[in-house]
Protein backbone atom coordinates (compact mmCIF):
# COMPACT_ATOMS: atom_id res chain seq x y z
CA UNK A 1 67.21 154.97 34.26
CA UNK A 2 64.53 154.89 31.59
CA UNK A 3 62.76 151.66 30.78
CA UNK A 4 60.32 151.06 28.07
CA UNK A 5 58.08 148.37 26.57
CA UNK A 6 60.89 146.71 24.67
CA UNK A 7 62.76 146.12 27.91
CA UNK A 8 59.90 144.39 29.59
CA UNK A 9 59.19 142.30 26.51
CA UNK A 10 62.80 141.22 26.43
CA UNK A 11 62.65 140.26 30.15
CA UNK A 12 59.45 138.20 29.57
CA UNK A 13 60.95 136.43 26.61
CA UNK A 14 64.20 135.68 28.66
CA UNK A 15 66.30 137.69 26.19
CA UNK A 16 67.49 139.92 29.08
CA UNK A 17 67.70 139.75 32.81
CA UNK A 18 67.55 142.58 35.44
CA UNK A 19 71.35 142.95 35.78
CA UNK A 20 71.66 146.02 33.43
CA UNK A 21 68.79 147.76 35.32
CA UNK A 22 70.40 147.47 38.82
CA UNK A 23 72.13 150.59 40.18
CA UNK A 24 74.13 150.33 43.40
CA UNK A 25 75.70 153.37 45.08
CA UNK A 26 77.36 152.18 48.33
CA UNK A 27 78.58 155.64 49.16
CA UNK A 28 75.00 157.02 49.03
CA UNK A 29 73.56 153.87 50.52
CA UNK A 30 71.16 153.38 47.65
CA UNK A 31 70.10 150.40 45.60
CA UNK A 32 67.75 150.79 42.65
CA UNK A 33 66.08 148.36 40.16
CA UNK A 34 64.50 150.01 37.17
CA UNK A 35 65.08 153.35 38.78
CA UNK A 36 62.94 152.35 41.78
CA UNK A 37 64.80 152.52 45.07
CA UNK A 38 64.69 149.32 47.03
CA UNK A 39 66.81 147.49 49.64
CA UNK A 40 68.34 144.10 50.12
CA UNK A 41 66.51 141.75 52.40
CA UNK A 42 69.03 139.50 54.23
CA UNK A 43 67.87 136.00 55.17
CA UNK A 44 68.30 136.62 58.90
CA UNK A 45 65.83 139.50 58.70
CA UNK A 46 63.09 137.36 57.22
CA UNK A 47 63.84 134.59 59.67
CA UNK A 48 63.60 137.11 62.50
CA UNK A 49 60.13 138.16 61.30
CA UNK A 50 58.91 134.62 61.27
CA UNK A 51 60.38 133.89 64.74
CA UNK A 52 58.82 137.10 66.15
CA UNK A 53 55.35 135.86 65.14
CA UNK A 54 56.11 132.29 66.17
CA UNK A 55 57.02 133.42 69.71
CA UNK A 56 53.40 134.63 70.29
CA UNK A 57 51.50 132.22 68.00
CA UNK A 58 52.88 129.01 66.74
CA UNK A 59 54.72 128.02 63.56
CA UNK A 60 51.59 127.49 61.47
CA UNK A 61 50.02 130.73 62.50
CA UNK A 62 53.32 132.57 62.20
CA UNK A 63 53.35 131.62 58.44
CA UNK A 64 49.80 133.01 58.24
CA UNK A 65 50.91 136.31 59.84
CA UNK A 66 53.81 136.69 57.44
CA UNK A 67 51.44 135.92 54.61
CA UNK A 68 49.08 138.76 55.73
CA UNK A 69 52.09 141.09 55.94
CA UNK A 70 53.39 140.38 52.41
CA UNK A 71 49.85 140.43 50.91
CA UNK A 72 50.16 144.22 51.37
CA UNK A 73 53.49 144.09 49.54
CA UNK A 74 51.82 142.23 46.63
CA UNK A 75 49.09 144.88 46.46
CA UNK A 76 51.79 147.35 45.72
CA UNK A 77 52.40 145.78 42.37
CA UNK A 78 49.50 147.75 40.92
CA UNK A 79 52.03 150.53 40.09
CA UNK A 80 53.92 148.20 37.79
CA UNK A 81 50.69 146.89 36.33
CA UNK A 82 49.53 150.41 35.48
CA UNK A 83 52.96 151.25 33.92
CA UNK A 84 52.77 148.25 31.60
CA UNK A 85 49.30 149.36 30.53
CA UNK A 86 50.66 152.70 29.61
CA UNK A 87 53.13 150.90 27.41
CA UNK A 88 50.21 149.10 25.71
CA UNK A 89 51.09 145.78 27.37
CA UNK A 90 47.78 144.19 28.52
CA UNK A 91 49.09 141.13 30.41
CA UNK A 92 46.76 138.43 31.72
CA UNK A 93 46.77 138.09 35.54
CA UNK A 94 48.88 134.91 35.38
CA UNK A 95 51.31 136.44 32.91
CA UNK A 96 51.78 139.53 35.10
CA UNK A 97 52.20 137.28 38.18
CA UNK A 98 55.02 135.44 36.37
CA UNK A 99 56.72 138.68 35.38
CA UNK A 100 56.66 140.03 39.00
CA UNK A 101 58.22 136.83 40.29
CA UNK A 102 60.79 136.79 37.49
CA UNK A 103 61.93 140.27 38.63
CA UNK A 104 61.91 139.32 42.29
CA UNK A 105 63.65 135.97 41.89
CA UNK A 106 66.42 137.47 39.77
CA UNK A 107 67.15 139.51 42.92
CA UNK A 108 67.83 136.32 44.94
CA UNK A 109 64.35 135.39 46.22
CA UNK A 110 64.49 131.80 45.08
CA UNK A 111 64.48 129.70 41.88
CA UNK A 112 62.60 130.72 38.77
CA UNK A 113 58.81 130.02 38.70
CA UNK A 114 56.98 127.71 36.33
CA UNK A 115 53.34 128.31 35.35
CA UNK A 116 51.75 124.88 35.62
CA UNK A 117 48.02 125.73 35.08
CA UNK A 118 45.95 128.82 34.48
CA UNK A 119 42.25 129.54 34.17
CA UNK A 120 39.89 132.39 35.13
CA UNK A 121 39.59 131.21 38.69
CA UNK A 122 42.68 128.98 39.36
CA UNK A 123 46.40 129.33 38.89
CA UNK A 124 49.04 126.82 39.85
CA UNK A 125 52.70 127.86 40.16
CA UNK A 126 55.78 125.84 40.96
CA UNK A 127 59.41 126.57 41.82
CA UNK A 128 62.37 124.41 42.83
CA UNK A 129 62.71 126.39 45.99
CA UNK A 130 61.89 129.83 47.59
CA UNK A 131 64.33 131.64 49.77
CA UNK A 132 62.18 131.25 52.93
CA UNK A 133 61.86 127.49 52.36
CA UNK A 134 65.70 127.35 52.29
CA UNK A 135 66.26 129.35 55.47
CA UNK A 136 63.36 127.70 57.47
CA UNK A 137 64.12 124.09 56.53
CA UNK A 138 64.35 123.17 60.24
CA UNK A 139 60.56 123.98 60.61
CA UNK A 140 59.75 120.85 58.53
CA UNK A 141 56.40 122.22 57.30
CA UNK A 142 55.11 124.50 54.53
CA UNK A 143 56.58 127.95 55.32
CA UNK A 144 56.29 130.14 52.25
CA UNK A 145 54.09 132.88 53.83
CA UNK A 146 56.06 135.58 51.91
CA UNK A 147 55.15 134.00 48.53
CA UNK A 148 51.61 133.08 49.41
CA UNK A 149 50.98 136.71 50.60
CA UNK A 150 52.61 138.16 47.50
CA UNK A 151 50.65 135.97 45.20
CA UNK A 152 47.27 136.85 46.91
CA UNK A 153 48.19 140.56 46.93
CA UNK A 154 49.24 140.67 43.28
CA UNK A 155 46.13 138.82 42.11
CA UNK A 156 43.86 141.01 44.16
CA UNK A 157 45.61 144.21 42.86
CA UNK A 158 45.19 143.29 39.16
CA UNK A 159 41.79 141.62 39.25
CA UNK A 160 39.99 143.50 42.02
CA UNK A 161 38.79 140.12 43.41
CA UNK A 162 39.68 138.01 46.41
CA UNK A 163 42.20 135.15 45.94
CA UNK A 164 43.32 132.51 48.33
CA UNK A 165 46.75 130.74 47.99
CA UNK A 166 47.50 127.29 49.34
CA UNK A 167 51.06 125.92 49.37
CA UNK A 168 50.54 122.26 48.32
CA UNK A 169 54.23 121.36 48.38
CA UNK A 170 57.15 122.89 50.22
CA UNK A 171 60.92 122.24 50.20
CA UNK A 172 60.89 122.91 53.92
CA UNK A 173 58.36 120.13 54.34
CA UNK A 174 60.67 117.64 52.51
CA UNK A 175 59.05 117.99 49.10
CA UNK A 176 60.93 118.22 45.80
CA UNK A 177 59.54 121.76 45.09
CA UNK A 178 57.36 124.59 46.39
CA UNK A 179 53.96 124.47 44.64
CA UNK A 180 51.20 127.05 45.04
CA UNK A 181 47.52 126.70 44.10
CA UNK A 182 45.69 130.04 43.86
CA UNK A 183 41.88 130.14 43.76
CA UNK A 184 39.49 133.00 43.35
CA UNK A 185 37.17 132.85 46.40
CA UNK A 186 34.19 134.88 47.64
CA UNK A 187 35.33 136.84 50.76
CA UNK A 188 33.11 135.71 53.59
CA UNK A 189 33.29 135.51 57.32
CA UNK A 190 32.06 131.90 57.17
CA UNK A 191 35.21 131.01 55.30
CA UNK A 192 37.42 133.03 57.65
CA UNK A 193 35.74 131.88 60.85
CA UNK A 194 36.00 128.23 59.86
CA UNK A 195 39.71 128.72 59.17
CA UNK A 196 40.08 129.91 62.80
CA UNK A 197 38.25 126.80 64.09
CA UNK A 198 40.56 124.52 62.00
CA UNK A 199 43.65 126.26 63.41
CA UNK A 200 44.52 127.63 59.99
CA UNK A 201 44.05 131.28 61.22
CA UNK A 202 44.03 133.19 64.47
CA UNK A 203 41.51 135.92 65.37
CA UNK A 204 44.44 138.39 65.52
CA UNK A 205 44.31 138.34 61.71
CA UNK A 206 40.78 139.83 61.87
CA UNK A 207 41.26 142.39 64.64
CA UNK A 208 41.26 146.02 63.65
CA UNK A 209 42.75 147.96 66.54
CA UNK A 210 42.93 151.77 66.54
CA UNK A 211 44.13 152.57 70.07
CA UNK A 212 44.45 156.31 69.46
CA UNK A 213 40.82 156.46 68.36
CA UNK A 214 39.77 154.13 71.16
CA UNK A 215 38.19 151.52 68.87
CA UNK A 216 38.64 147.79 68.34
CA UNK A 217 36.76 145.66 65.81
CA UNK A 218 36.62 141.89 65.51
CA UNK A 219 34.83 140.47 62.45
CA UNK A 220 33.66 144.08 61.68
CA UNK A 221 31.92 144.30 65.10
CA UNK A 222 33.08 146.67 67.88
CA UNK A 223 34.65 144.82 70.86
CA UNK A 224 36.43 145.98 74.01
CA UNK A 225 39.36 144.63 76.06
CA UNK A 226 38.04 143.79 79.47
CA UNK A 227 40.47 143.30 82.41
CA UNK A 228 39.87 140.26 84.61
CA UNK A 229 39.33 142.31 87.75
CA UNK A 230 35.96 143.37 86.19
CA UNK A 231 34.73 139.90 87.20
CA UNK A 232 35.79 140.26 90.81
CA UNK A 233 34.35 143.75 91.01
CA UNK A 234 31.04 142.77 89.39
CA UNK A 235 30.63 139.63 91.62
CA UNK A 236 31.56 141.41 94.80
CA UNK A 237 29.15 144.25 94.07
CA UNK A 238 26.29 141.84 93.46
CA UNK A 239 27.21 139.75 96.52
CA UNK A 240 26.85 142.93 98.69
CA UNK A 241 23.40 143.55 97.25
CA UNK A 242 21.85 140.05 97.19
CA UNK A 243 24.24 137.49 98.68
CA UNK A 244 26.72 135.09 97.03
CA UNK A 245 24.40 132.40 95.60
CA UNK A 246 21.86 134.77 94.13
CA UNK A 247 24.72 136.85 92.66
CA UNK A 248 26.11 133.72 91.04
CA UNK A 249 22.70 132.91 89.61
CA UNK A 250 22.39 136.34 88.06
CA UNK A 251 25.87 136.10 86.41
CA UNK A 252 25.06 132.64 85.15
CA UNK A 253 21.87 133.70 83.45
CA UNK A 254 23.44 136.90 82.01
CA UNK A 255 26.37 134.98 80.43
CA UNK A 256 24.05 132.16 79.26
CA UNK A 257 22.14 134.82 77.26
CA UNK A 258 25.45 136.17 75.97
CA UNK A 259 26.45 132.66 74.73
CA UNK A 260 23.23 132.17 72.91
CA UNK A 261 23.42 135.66 71.28
CA UNK A 262 27.00 134.95 70.22
CA UNK A 263 25.94 131.78 68.43
CA UNK A 264 23.12 133.71 66.67
CA UNK A 265 25.79 136.15 65.42
CA UNK A 266 27.64 133.19 63.81
CA UNK A 267 24.47 131.90 62.29
CA UNK A 268 24.08 135.20 60.45
CA UNK A 269 27.42 134.36 58.77
CA UNK A 270 25.63 131.40 57.13
CA UNK A 271 26.93 128.74 59.46
CA UNK A 272 24.31 126.23 60.55
CA UNK A 273 26.12 123.03 61.47
CA UNK A 274 25.71 122.74 65.35
CA UNK A 275 29.16 121.30 66.06
CA UNK A 276 30.86 123.96 63.95
CA UNK A 277 28.90 126.68 65.75
CA UNK A 278 29.86 125.43 69.22
CA UNK A 279 33.55 124.82 68.24
CA UNK A 280 33.73 128.32 66.71
CA UNK A 281 32.43 129.91 69.90
CA UNK A 282 34.83 127.90 72.07
CA UNK A 283 37.74 128.76 69.75
CA UNK A 284 36.97 132.49 69.68
CA UNK A 285 36.50 132.83 73.46
CA UNK A 286 39.73 130.76 73.98
CA UNK A 287 41.74 132.99 71.61
CA UNK A 288 40.32 136.10 73.26
CA UNK A 289 41.78 134.99 76.60
CA UNK A 290 38.59 133.80 78.42
CA UNK A 291 39.90 130.24 78.93
CA UNK A 292 41.88 127.42 77.31
CA UNK A 293 39.93 124.36 76.23
CA UNK A 294 41.63 121.21 77.50
CA UNK A 295 39.06 118.72 76.33
CA UNK A 296 35.38 118.15 75.61
CA UNK A 297 33.65 114.84 76.16
CA UNK A 298 30.11 113.66 75.31
CA UNK A 299 28.22 110.88 77.27
CA UNK A 300 25.46 109.71 74.98
CA UNK A 301 23.79 107.54 77.63
CA UNK A 302 23.46 110.47 80.08
CA UNK A 303 23.06 113.11 77.42
CA UNK A 304 25.81 114.95 79.19
CA UNK A 305 28.78 117.06 77.98
CA UNK A 306 31.82 117.44 80.13
CA UNK A 307 34.05 120.46 79.36
CA UNK A 308 37.55 120.85 80.92
CA UNK A 309 39.12 124.26 80.95
CA UNK A 310 42.26 125.88 82.36
CA UNK A 311 42.83 129.56 83.43
CA UNK A 312 39.20 130.73 83.22
CA UNK A 313 38.73 134.43 83.68
CA UNK A 314 37.10 133.97 87.07
CA UNK A 315 39.55 131.44 88.61
CA UNK A 316 42.43 133.68 87.47
CA UNK A 317 40.82 136.79 88.80
CA UNK A 318 39.66 135.40 92.16
CA UNK A 319 42.69 133.23 92.85
CA UNK A 320 42.51 130.59 95.64
CA UNK A 321 39.15 130.96 97.40
CA UNK A 322 38.53 127.32 98.42
CA UNK A 323 35.31 127.13 96.40
CA UNK A 324 33.80 127.20 92.79
CA UNK A 325 33.81 130.69 91.28
CA UNK A 326 33.10 130.22 87.57
CA UNK A 327 29.40 131.18 87.34
CA UNK A 328 29.93 133.42 84.30
CA UNK A 329 31.81 130.69 82.39
CA UNK A 330 29.27 127.97 83.32
CA UNK A 331 26.48 130.24 81.95
CA UNK A 332 28.47 131.09 78.83
CA UNK A 333 29.14 127.42 78.02
CA UNK A 334 25.49 126.49 78.58
CA UNK A 335 24.37 129.37 76.30
CA UNK A 336 26.75 128.26 73.51
CA UNK A 337 25.47 124.69 73.65
CA UNK A 338 21.79 125.84 73.76
CA UNK A 339 22.20 128.19 70.85
CA UNK A 340 24.22 125.80 68.73
CA UNK A 341 22.08 122.65 69.15
CA UNK A 342 18.63 124.21 69.79
CA UNK A 343 18.08 122.36 73.08
CA UNK A 344 17.51 123.37 76.70
CA UNK A 345 20.47 122.67 78.98
CA UNK A 346 21.81 123.36 82.39
CA UNK A 347 25.54 123.98 83.24
CA UNK A 348 27.29 123.57 86.51
CA UNK A 349 30.92 123.66 87.60
CA UNK A 350 32.06 120.43 89.49
CA UNK A 351 35.78 121.30 89.81
CA UNK A 352 37.50 124.68 89.99
CA UNK A 353 41.17 125.88 90.12
CA UNK A 354 40.06 128.42 92.71
CA UNK A 355 39.18 125.39 94.95
CA UNK A 356 42.56 123.88 94.35
CA UNK A 357 41.66 121.52 91.46
CA UNK A 358 43.96 121.12 88.52
CA UNK A 359 41.33 122.30 86.03
CA UNK A 360 37.84 123.93 86.01
CA UNK A 361 35.42 121.19 84.88
CA UNK A 362 31.85 121.83 83.78
CA UNK A 363 28.92 119.49 83.24
CA UNK A 364 26.33 120.50 80.64
CA UNK A 365 23.17 118.38 80.78
CA UNK A 366 19.93 118.28 78.82
CA UNK A 367 17.22 119.92 80.79
CA UNK A 368 13.77 118.31 80.79
CA UNK A 369 11.00 120.52 79.51
């Protein structure tokens, strides 16, 4: 089916809708809009995508994962944008965004959108409801990852710049509408890393894994997946050479250096606030499977930090040994604190799951010069 400038102009003005441009051939199993083959997206499919992510993350991060997925869908709108330019239609980004959503929502993706505000660096959109807000009402939180991703992808496609979309209101959260605020932002790892610390993102969003090529990158740096038995193998090898306590000391110092260097890497992102640096390191190691942070307490009088962890790599790897085993983790925590706060510290493990304790507990104390 041919479509021209006059058709799009009529659609924008509301003089036409997409009904005449839909072709359905059940026998051939094809469904086309404007001559472009597409497919229906039943609600249960979208719900299944959300629940698949939620099973491994949580509801908030599942929305983020869906958002990332549909950002790529939004980027595909560049084809329509270029077609309109061929017709001599030079729409502003906000105008094009509204056209895309008019076309989508007339296919059942929610209520019509209203353009509330537009400027060079900010756009605010509102709708009575989106389809995902309707099908995920039981989540009782902002859920419109599909629309946030679309919006970001569309804006990136037509402007060549980075945009961040925040859902300020959501029907699934009990609000009277779904409202989206879209801001042009500078892409920076400082912005992304801080989102991970706040719980707004997970590091999985920033992992580039190419298993066939044998490469993994996190925040653009090469990383490796290291099995836990490496710790038992490394410790046992050192114990044979120098004895248990000296081997523990070597591991402690090596991982202390690693903790400090890790913080220096974050500083290169432009992050300088000590608490943010340490929180970032703890969050990243936790999300990479090294441990789970249960709590962190500070004793001002003693200048002493108590860090409680569960399933540390060493306690999980060694199992029940009847003694403390987390030399690497103790050094890592001490190095993170030293690097973040610019002080000399000493770390020691006072409780360990390998000794039968409920948690692995570490004391980090200021070390006199």
